[in-house]
């Protein structure tokens, strides 16, 4: 026996999905998933601002490539390619091969 969803339930679930809330089953997650967003109608979580402030405080201690990626993520521009990244080898030493144990 199956139940049919009424329009109100479907609208409520769609509003949750649009706000970034879900009950699992989301596919194609790329990178680190964002922190839980506030429920519709609620103010932004204060922890989000505190985390961003902590990240900005230690940003200068990270390698240039990491700084660029984090700034892109914090500004929300990482999907649009607005920053130009330096060519490989400008400031960073080349990455060496990681030895494997056999």
N, C-alpha and C. Protein backbone atom coordinates (compact mmCIF):
# COMPACT_ATOMS: atom_id res chain seq x y z
N UNK A 1 0.85 -1.17 0.00
CA UNK A 1 0.00 0.00 0.00
C UNK A 1 0.90 1.24 0.00
N UNK A 2 0.63 2.16 -0.88
CA UNK A 2 1.47 3.36 -0.94
C UNK A 2 0.62 4.59 -0.70
N UNK A 3 1.28 5.59 -0.17
CA UNK A 3 0.59 6.85 0.10
C UNK A 3 0.98 7.86 -0.97
N UNK A 4 0.06 8.69 -1.34
CA UNK A 4 0.36 9.75 -2.28
C UNK A 4 0.63 11.02 -1.49
N UNK A 5 1.63 11.76 -1.94
CA UNK A 5 1.96 13.01 -1.26
C UNK A 5 1.01 14.10 -1.72
N UNK A 6 0.59 14.92 -0.78
CA UNK A 6 -0.24 16.04 -1.18
C UNK A 6 0.65 17.20 -1.62
N UNK A 7 0.07 18.21 -2.20
CA UNK A 7 0.82 19.34 -2.74
C UNK A 7 1.62 20.06 -1.66
N UNK A 8 1.08 20.18 -0.45
CA UNK A 8 1.78 20.88 0.63
C UNK A 8 3.05 20.14 1.01
N UNK A 9 2.99 18.82 1.11
CA UNK A 9 4.18 18.03 1.45
C UNK A 9 5.23 18.14 0.37
N UNK A 10 4.80 18.06 -0.89
CA UNK A 10 5.76 18.18 -1.99
C UNK A 10 6.40 19.56 -2.02
N UNK A 11 5.63 20.61 -1.76
CA UNK A 11 6.17 21.97 -1.75
C UNK A 11 7.16 22.14 -0.60
N UNK A 12 6.85 21.56 0.56
CA UNK A 12 7.74 21.65 1.72
C UNK A 12 9.07 20.95 1.43
N UNK A 13 9.01 19.76 0.83
CA UNK A 13 10.24 19.03 0.50
C UNK A 13 11.07 19.78 -0.54
N UNK A 14 10.40 20.38 -1.52
CA UNK A 14 11.13 21.14 -2.54
C UNK A 14 11.80 22.36 -1.93
N UNK A 15 11.13 23.03 -0.98
CA UNK A 15 11.72 24.19 -0.31
C UNK A 15 12.96 23.77 0.48
N UNK A 16 12.92 22.60 1.11
CA UNK A 16 14.09 22.11 1.85
C UNK A 16 15.25 21.83 0.90
N UNK A 17 14.96 21.20 -0.25
CA UNK A 17 16.02 20.92 -1.22
C UNK A 17 16.61 22.20 -1.78
N UNK A 18 15.76 23.19 -2.07
CA UNK A 18 16.24 24.46 -2.60
C UNK A 18 17.13 25.18 -1.59
N UNK A 19 16.87 24.98 -0.30
CA UNK A 19 17.65 25.62 0.75
C UNK A 19 18.89 24.82 1.12
N UNK A 20 19.12 23.68 0.46
CA UNK A 20 20.30 22.88 0.74
C UNK A 20 20.10 21.82 1.80
N UNK A 21 18.89 21.64 2.27
CA UNK A 21 18.59 20.62 3.27
C UNK A 21 18.12 19.36 2.55
N UNK A 22 18.52 18.20 3.04
CA UNK A 22 18.05 16.96 2.44
C UNK A 22 18.18 15.84 3.45
N UNK A 23 17.58 14.72 3.15
CA UNK A 23 17.62 13.55 4.03
C UNK A 23 18.54 12.49 3.47
N UNK A 24 19.61 12.89 2.81
CA UNK A 24 20.54 11.93 2.23
C UNK A 24 20.16 11.60 0.80
N UNK A 25 20.98 10.77 0.18
CA UNK A 25 20.69 10.36 -1.18
C UNK A 25 21.14 11.35 -2.23
N UNK A 26 21.86 12.39 -1.84
CA UNK A 26 22.34 13.36 -2.82
C UNK A 26 23.57 12.78 -3.50
N UNK A 27 23.56 12.75 -4.80
CA UNK A 27 24.66 12.16 -5.55
C UNK A 27 25.54 13.26 -6.14
N UNK A 28 26.69 12.85 -6.63
CA UNK A 28 27.64 13.72 -7.30
C UNK A 28 28.15 14.84 -6.40
N UNK A 29 28.55 14.51 -5.19
CA UNK A 29 29.15 15.50 -4.30
C UNK A 29 30.59 15.68 -4.73
N UNK A 30 30.99 16.93 -4.96
CA UNK A 30 32.36 17.23 -5.36
C UNK A 30 33.04 17.96 -4.22
N UNK A 31 34.24 17.56 -3.88
CA UNK A 31 34.99 18.24 -2.84
C UNK A 31 34.39 18.01 -1.47
N UNK A 32 34.60 18.97 -0.60
CA UNK A 32 34.09 18.89 0.76
C UNK A 32 32.67 19.46 0.77
N UNK A 33 31.70 18.71 1.26
CA UNK A 33 30.34 19.24 1.29
C UNK A 33 30.27 20.45 2.21
N UNK A 34 29.44 21.43 1.88
CA UNK A 34 29.33 22.62 2.74
C UNK A 34 28.70 22.27 4.08
N UNK A 35 28.90 23.16 5.04
CA UNK A 35 28.28 22.95 6.33
C UNK A 35 26.77 23.03 6.18
N UNK A 36 26.07 22.49 7.13
CA UNK A 36 24.62 22.49 7.11
C UNK A 36 24.11 23.92 7.02
N UNK A 37 23.23 24.18 6.08
CA UNK A 37 22.68 25.52 5.94
C UNK A 37 21.46 25.67 6.84
N UNK A 38 21.12 26.92 7.13
CA UNK A 38 20.00 27.19 8.02
C UNK A 38 18.69 26.75 7.36
N UNK A 39 17.75 26.34 8.17
CA UNK A 39 16.43 25.96 7.67
C UNK A 39 15.74 27.17 7.06
N UNK A 40 14.86 26.96 6.09
CA UNK A 40 14.15 28.10 5.49
C UNK A 40 13.45 28.93 6.56
N UNK A 41 13.60 30.25 6.47
CA UNK A 41 12.98 31.16 7.41
C UNK A 41 13.81 31.43 8.65
N UNK A 42 14.94 30.76 8.80
CA UNK A 42 15.80 30.95 9.97
C UNK A 42 17.01 31.80 9.57
N UNK A 43 17.60 32.55 10.53
CA UNK A 43 18.79 33.34 10.20
C UNK A 43 20.00 32.44 9.95
N UNK A 44 21.05 33.02 9.36
CA UNK A 44 22.28 32.26 9.09
C UNK A 44 22.88 31.79 10.41
N UNK A 45 23.43 30.59 10.40
CA UNK A 45 24.05 30.04 11.61
C UNK A 45 25.30 30.86 11.95
N UNK A 46 25.48 31.21 13.21
CA UNK A 46 26.62 32.02 13.64
C UNK A 46 27.93 31.28 13.48
N UNK A 47 27.89 29.96 13.54
CA UNK A 47 29.12 29.17 13.40
C UNK A 47 29.75 29.37 12.03
N UNK A 48 28.95 29.65 11.01
CA UNK A 48 29.48 29.85 9.66
C UNK A 48 30.41 31.06 9.64
N UNK A 49 29.98 32.16 10.23
CA UNK A 49 30.81 33.37 10.28
C UNK A 49 32.06 33.16 11.11
N UNK A 50 31.94 32.44 12.22
CA UNK A 50 33.13 32.18 13.06
C UNK A 50 34.14 31.32 12.32
N UNK A 51 33.67 30.31 11.60
CA UNK A 51 34.59 29.45 10.85
C UNK A 51 35.29 30.25 9.76
N UNK A 52 34.55 31.08 9.04
CA UNK A 52 35.17 31.89 7.99
C UNK A 52 36.22 32.83 8.57
N UNK A 53 35.94 33.42 9.73
CA UNK A 53 36.91 34.32 10.37
C UNK A 53 38.18 33.56 10.76
N UNK A 54 38.04 32.35 11.31
CA UNK A 54 39.22 31.55 11.68
C UNK A 54 40.04 31.19 10.45
N UNK A 55 39.36 30.83 9.37
CA UNK A 55 40.08 30.47 8.14
C UNK A 55 40.85 31.68 7.62
N UNK A 56 40.23 32.86 7.62
CA UNK A 56 40.92 34.06 7.13
C UNK A 56 42.11 34.43 8.01
N UNK A 57 42.03 34.15 9.32
CA UNK A 57 43.14 34.45 10.22
C UNK A 57 44.38 33.62 9.91
N UNK A 58 44.21 32.36 9.51
CA UNK A 58 45.38 31.51 9.25
C UNK A 58 45.72 31.41 7.77
N UNK A 59 45.00 32.13 6.93
CA UNK A 59 45.17 32.02 5.49
C UNK A 59 46.61 32.33 5.06
N UNK A 60 47.23 33.33 5.68
CA UNK A 60 48.59 33.73 5.28
C UNK A 60 49.64 32.65 5.56
N UNK A 61 49.32 31.66 6.38
CA UNK A 61 50.30 30.62 6.71
C UNK A 61 50.28 29.47 5.71
N UNK A 62 49.33 29.48 4.79
CA UNK A 62 49.17 28.38 3.84
C UNK A 62 49.90 28.65 2.54
N UNK A 63 50.20 27.61 1.75
CA UNK A 63 50.82 27.80 0.44
C UNK A 63 49.92 28.62 -0.48
N UNK A 64 50.53 29.26 -1.48
CA UNK A 64 49.80 30.15 -2.39
C UNK A 64 48.63 29.44 -3.09
N UNK A 65 48.86 28.21 -3.56
CA UNK A 65 47.79 27.49 -4.25
C UNK A 65 46.61 27.22 -3.32
N UNK A 66 46.90 26.88 -2.07
CA UNK A 66 45.84 26.63 -1.09
C UNK A 66 45.09 27.93 -0.79
N UNK A 67 45.83 29.04 -0.68
CA UNK A 67 45.20 30.33 -0.43
C UNK A 67 44.22 30.68 -1.55
N UNK A 68 44.66 30.49 -2.80
CA UNK A 68 43.80 30.82 -3.94
C UNK A 68 42.54 29.96 -3.94
N UNK A 69 42.67 28.67 -3.65
CA UNK A 69 41.50 27.79 -3.64
C UNK A 69 40.54 28.16 -2.51
N UNK A 70 41.08 28.50 -1.35
CA UNK A 70 40.23 28.85 -0.21
C UNK A 70 39.53 30.18 -0.46
N UNK A 71 40.24 31.15 -1.02
CA UNK A 71 39.62 32.44 -1.32
C UNK A 71 38.49 32.25 -2.33
N UNK A 72 38.73 31.43 -3.35
CA UNK A 72 37.67 31.14 -4.32
C UNK A 72 36.45 30.56 -3.62
N UNK A 73 36.67 29.63 -2.70
CA UNK A 73 35.56 28.99 -2.01
C UNK A 73 34.83 29.98 -1.10
N UNK A 74 35.58 30.80 -0.37
CA UNK A 74 34.95 31.76 0.54
C UNK A 74 34.15 32.81 -0.21
N UNK A 75 34.65 33.22 -1.38
CA UNK A 75 33.96 34.24 -2.16
C UNK A 75 32.83 33.66 -2.99
N UNK A 76 32.79 32.34 -3.09
CA UNK A 76 31.74 31.71 -3.88
C UNK A 76 31.99 31.79 -5.37
N UNK A 77 33.24 32.09 -5.76
CA UNK A 77 33.55 32.23 -7.19
C UNK A 77 34.24 31.01 -7.75
N UNK A 78 34.41 29.96 -6.94
CA UNK A 78 35.17 28.79 -7.39
C UNK A 78 34.52 28.06 -8.56
N UNK A 79 33.27 28.30 -8.82
CA UNK A 79 32.60 27.61 -9.93
C UNK A 79 32.72 28.39 -11.24
N UNK A 80 33.17 29.65 -11.16
CA UNK A 80 33.09 30.51 -12.32
C UNK A 80 34.44 30.84 -12.94
N UNK A 81 35.55 30.42 -12.35
CA UNK A 81 36.86 30.63 -12.94
C UNK A 81 37.26 32.09 -13.09
N UNK A 82 36.99 32.93 -12.09
CA UNK A 82 37.32 34.35 -12.22
C UNK A 82 38.76 34.66 -11.83
N UNK A 83 39.40 33.79 -11.05
CA UNK A 83 40.79 34.02 -10.66
C UNK A 83 41.71 33.27 -11.60
N UNK A 84 42.86 33.85 -11.87
CA UNK A 84 43.85 33.15 -12.67
C UNK A 84 44.88 32.55 -11.73
N UNK A 85 45.19 31.30 -11.92
CA UNK A 85 46.16 30.62 -11.09
C UNK A 85 47.51 30.67 -11.78
N UNK A 86 48.59 30.80 -11.02
CA UNK A 86 49.92 30.85 -11.62
C UNK A 86 50.27 29.52 -12.28
N UNK A 87 51.17 29.60 -13.23
CA UNK A 87 51.63 28.38 -13.89
C UNK A 87 52.38 27.52 -12.89
N UNK A 88 52.40 26.22 -13.11
CA UNK A 88 53.07 25.31 -12.19
C UNK A 88 54.54 25.68 -12.07
N UNK A 89 55.03 25.72 -10.86
CA UNK A 89 56.44 25.98 -10.62
C UNK A 89 56.79 27.43 -10.37
N UNK A 90 55.82 28.36 -10.33
CA UNK A 90 56.13 29.76 -10.08
C UNK A 90 56.74 29.96 -8.69
N UNK A 91 56.00 29.60 -7.65
CA UNK A 91 56.48 29.79 -6.28
C UNK A 91 56.64 28.47 -5.54
N UNK A 92 55.98 27.46 -5.99
CA UNK A 92 55.95 26.19 -5.28
C UNK A 92 56.97 25.22 -5.85
N UNK A 93 57.65 24.48 -4.99
CA UNK A 93 58.55 23.44 -5.51
C UNK A 93 57.72 22.31 -6.13
N UNK A 94 58.28 21.60 -7.10
CA UNK A 94 57.51 20.51 -7.72
C UNK A 94 57.22 19.41 -6.70
N UNK A 95 56.09 18.79 -6.88
CA UNK A 95 55.70 17.70 -6.00
C UNK A 95 56.50 16.46 -6.36
N UNK A 96 57.08 15.83 -5.35
CA UNK A 96 57.87 14.63 -5.58
C UNK A 96 57.00 13.39 -5.60
N UNK A 97 57.59 12.31 -6.00
CA UNK A 97 56.88 11.04 -6.05
C UNK A 97 56.79 10.46 -4.64
N UNK A 98 55.65 9.94 -4.29
CA UNK A 98 55.45 9.33 -2.98
C UNK A 98 55.87 7.87 -3.09
N UNK A 99 56.82 7.44 -2.25
CA UNK A 99 57.26 6.04 -2.34
C UNK A 99 56.17 5.08 -1.90
N UNK A 100 56.12 3.93 -2.53
CA UNK A 100 55.14 2.92 -2.16
C UNK A 100 55.86 1.73 -1.53
N UNK A 101 55.18 1.09 -0.61
CA UNK A 101 55.74 -0.08 0.06
C UNK A 101 55.12 -1.31 -0.58
N UNK A 102 55.97 -2.23 -0.98
CA UNK A 102 55.45 -3.43 -1.63
C UNK A 102 55.81 -4.66 -0.84
